[in-house]
Amino acid sequence: MADKAAIQVEVQQAIAQVLMRIYDPHFSEHSYGFRPNRSAHDAIEQVLEYLDDGY
């Protein structure tokens, strides 16, 4: 019998994948929170680039 925790993780991942396909296109390109392939470090790097550009 499979571990209940493992099954729960698989179900959560499946739901997250479906929801990400639905909602991700509606997020701003400037959004970094909880986005795939984006991190707080990426956001800080972008801020530093804006500062260098004079914003």
N, C-alpha and C. Protein backbone atom coordinates (compact mmCIF):
# COMPACT_ATOMS: atom_id res chain seq x y z
N MET A 1 0.84 -1.18 0.00
CA MET A 1 0.00 0.00 0.00
C MET A 1 0.88 1.24 0.00
N ALA A 2 0.52 2.22 -0.82
CA ALA A 2 1.29 3.46 -0.93
C ALA A 2 1.12 4.30 0.33
N ASP A 3 2.14 5.03 0.64
CA ASP A 3 2.12 5.94 1.78
C ASP A 3 1.13 7.08 1.51
N LYS A 4 0.26 7.37 2.47
CA LYS A 4 -0.76 8.41 2.29
C LYS A 4 -0.12 9.77 2.02
N ALA A 5 0.98 10.05 2.68
CA ALA A 5 1.66 11.34 2.46
C ALA A 5 2.17 11.45 1.03
N ALA A 6 2.70 10.36 0.49
CA ALA A 6 3.19 10.37 -0.88
C ALA A 6 2.05 10.59 -1.86
N ILE A 7 0.93 9.95 -1.62
CA ILE A 7 -0.24 10.13 -2.49
C ILE A 7 -0.71 11.58 -2.42
N GLN A 8 -0.74 12.14 -1.21
CA GLN A 8 -1.18 13.52 -1.04
C GLN A 8 -0.27 14.48 -1.81
N VAL A 9 1.02 14.25 -1.77
CA VAL A 9 1.96 15.10 -2.50
C VAL A 9 1.71 15.00 -4.00
N GLU A 10 1.48 13.80 -4.49
CA GLU A 10 1.22 13.62 -5.93
C GLU A 10 -0.06 14.34 -6.34
N VAL A 11 -1.11 14.24 -5.55
CA VAL A 11 -2.37 14.91 -5.86
C VAL A 11 -2.17 16.43 -5.84
N GLN A 12 -1.46 16.94 -4.84
CA GLN A 12 -1.21 18.38 -4.77
C GLN A 12 -0.42 18.86 -5.98
N GLN A 13 0.57 18.11 -6.39
CA GLN A 13 1.37 18.49 -7.56
C GLN A 13 0.52 18.48 -8.83
N ALA A 14 -0.34 17.51 -8.98
CA ALA A 14 -1.21 17.43 -10.16
C ALA A 14 -2.15 18.63 -10.21
N ILE A 15 -2.72 18.97 -9.08
CA ILE A 15 -3.62 20.13 -9.02
C ILE A 15 -2.85 21.41 -9.31
N ALA A 16 -1.66 21.54 -8.73
CA ALA A 16 -0.84 22.74 -8.95
C ALA A 16 -0.49 22.91 -10.43
N GLN A 17 -0.19 21.82 -11.11
CA GLN A 17 0.15 21.90 -12.53
C GLN A 17 -1.03 22.39 -13.35
N VAL A 18 -2.22 21.90 -13.05
CA VAL A 18 -3.41 22.32 -13.78
C VAL A 18 -3.70 23.80 -13.51
N LEU A 19 -3.66 24.18 -12.24
CA LEU A 19 -3.95 25.58 -11.89
C LEU A 19 -2.90 26.53 -12.46
N MET A 20 -1.64 26.11 -12.49
CA MET A 20 -0.59 26.97 -13.03
C MET A 20 -0.83 27.25 -14.51
N ARG A 21 -1.26 26.26 -15.26
CA ARG A 21 -1.55 26.47 -16.69
C ARG A 21 -2.69 27.46 -16.88
N ILE A 22 -3.64 27.46 -15.95
CA ILE A 22 -4.79 28.36 -16.07
C ILE A 22 -4.41 29.78 -15.66
N TYR A 23 -3.73 29.94 -14.54
CA TYR A 23 -3.52 31.27 -13.97
C TYR A 23 -2.21 31.94 -14.37
N ASP A 24 -1.18 31.20 -14.66
CA ASP A 24 0.12 31.80 -14.93
C ASP A 24 0.11 32.81 -16.07
N PRO A 25 -0.60 32.57 -17.17
CA PRO A 25 -0.60 33.58 -18.25
C PRO A 25 -1.18 34.92 -17.83
N HIS A 26 -1.93 34.97 -16.75
CA HIS A 26 -2.56 36.21 -16.32
C HIS A 26 -1.70 37.02 -15.35
N PHE A 27 -0.61 36.44 -14.87
CA PHE A 27 0.28 37.15 -13.96
C PHE A 27 1.12 38.16 -14.72
N SER A 28 1.47 39.22 -14.05
CA SER A 28 2.34 40.25 -14.63
C SER A 28 3.72 39.66 -14.88
N GLU A 29 4.37 40.14 -15.92
CA GLU A 29 5.75 39.73 -16.18
C GLU A 29 6.68 40.23 -15.08
N HIS A 30 6.22 41.20 -14.30
CA HIS A 30 7.03 41.78 -13.24
C HIS A 30 6.81 41.07 -11.90
N SER A 31 6.00 40.03 -11.90
CA SER A 31 5.68 39.28 -10.68
C SER A 31 6.72 38.17 -10.47
N TYR A 32 7.23 38.08 -9.25
CA TYR A 32 8.23 37.07 -8.95
C TYR A 32 7.79 36.10 -7.86
N GLY A 33 6.79 36.45 -7.07
CA GLY A 33 6.39 35.60 -5.95
C GLY A 33 5.70 34.32 -6.39
N PHE A 34 6.20 33.21 -5.93
CA PHE A 34 5.60 31.89 -6.17
C PHE A 34 5.44 31.58 -7.66
N ARG A 35 6.41 31.99 -8.46
CA ARG A 35 6.36 31.73 -9.90
C ARG A 35 7.44 30.72 -10.25
N PRO A 36 7.13 29.82 -11.18
CA PRO A 36 8.16 28.86 -11.58
C PRO A 36 9.34 29.56 -12.24
N ASN A 37 10.51 29.12 -11.93
CA ASN A 37 11.76 29.64 -12.50
C ASN A 37 12.01 31.10 -12.14
N ARG A 38 11.39 31.59 -11.06
CA ARG A 38 11.64 32.94 -10.58
C ARG A 38 11.83 32.87 -9.07
N SER A 39 12.70 33.73 -8.57
CA SER A 39 12.99 33.68 -7.14
C SER A 39 13.13 35.09 -6.60
N ALA A 40 13.27 35.18 -5.30
CA ALA A 40 13.52 36.48 -4.66
C ALA A 40 14.83 37.06 -5.17
N HIS A 41 15.79 36.21 -5.43
CA HIS A 41 17.07 36.70 -5.96
C HIS A 41 16.89 37.32 -7.34
N ASP A 42 16.03 36.73 -8.16
CA ASP A 42 15.75 37.30 -9.48
C ASP A 42 15.10 38.68 -9.34
N ALA A 43 14.20 38.81 -8.38
CA ALA A 43 13.53 40.09 -8.15
C ALA A 43 14.55 41.15 -7.71
N ILE A 44 15.46 40.79 -6.84
CA ILE A 44 16.47 41.73 -6.39
C ILE A 44 17.38 42.14 -7.54
N GLU A 45 17.76 41.18 -8.37
CA GLU A 45 18.58 41.51 -9.54
C GLU A 45 17.86 42.49 -10.45
N GLN A 46 16.55 42.31 -10.63
CA GLN A 46 15.78 43.22 -11.48
C GLN A 46 15.73 44.62 -10.87
N VAL A 47 15.55 44.69 -9.56
CA VAL A 47 15.54 45.99 -8.87
C VAL A 47 16.88 46.69 -9.07
N LEU A 48 17.97 45.96 -8.92
CA LEU A 48 19.29 46.56 -9.11
C LEU A 48 19.49 47.05 -10.54
N GLU A 49 18.95 46.33 -11.51
CA GLU A 49 19.03 46.78 -12.90
C GLU A 49 18.24 48.07 -13.09
N TYR A 50 17.04 48.14 -12.48
CA TYR A 50 16.26 49.38 -12.56
C TYR A 50 17.02 50.55 -11.95
N LEU A 51 17.66 50.32 -10.81
CA LEU A 51 18.44 51.38 -10.16
C LEU A 51 19.59 51.84 -11.05
N ASP A 52 20.27 50.87 -11.66
CA ASP A 52 21.37 51.22 -12.57
C ASP A 52 20.88 52.02 -13.77
N ASP A 53 19.64 51.76 -14.19
CA ASP A 53 19.06 52.46 -15.33
C ASP A 53 18.50 53.83 -14.95
N GLY A 54 18.52 54.15 -13.64
CA GLY A 54 18.10 55.47 -13.21
C GLY A 54 16.65 55.56 -12.75
N TYR A 55 16.00 54.46 -12.57
CA TYR A 55 14.61 54.51 -12.10
C TYR A 55 14.56 54.72 -10.63
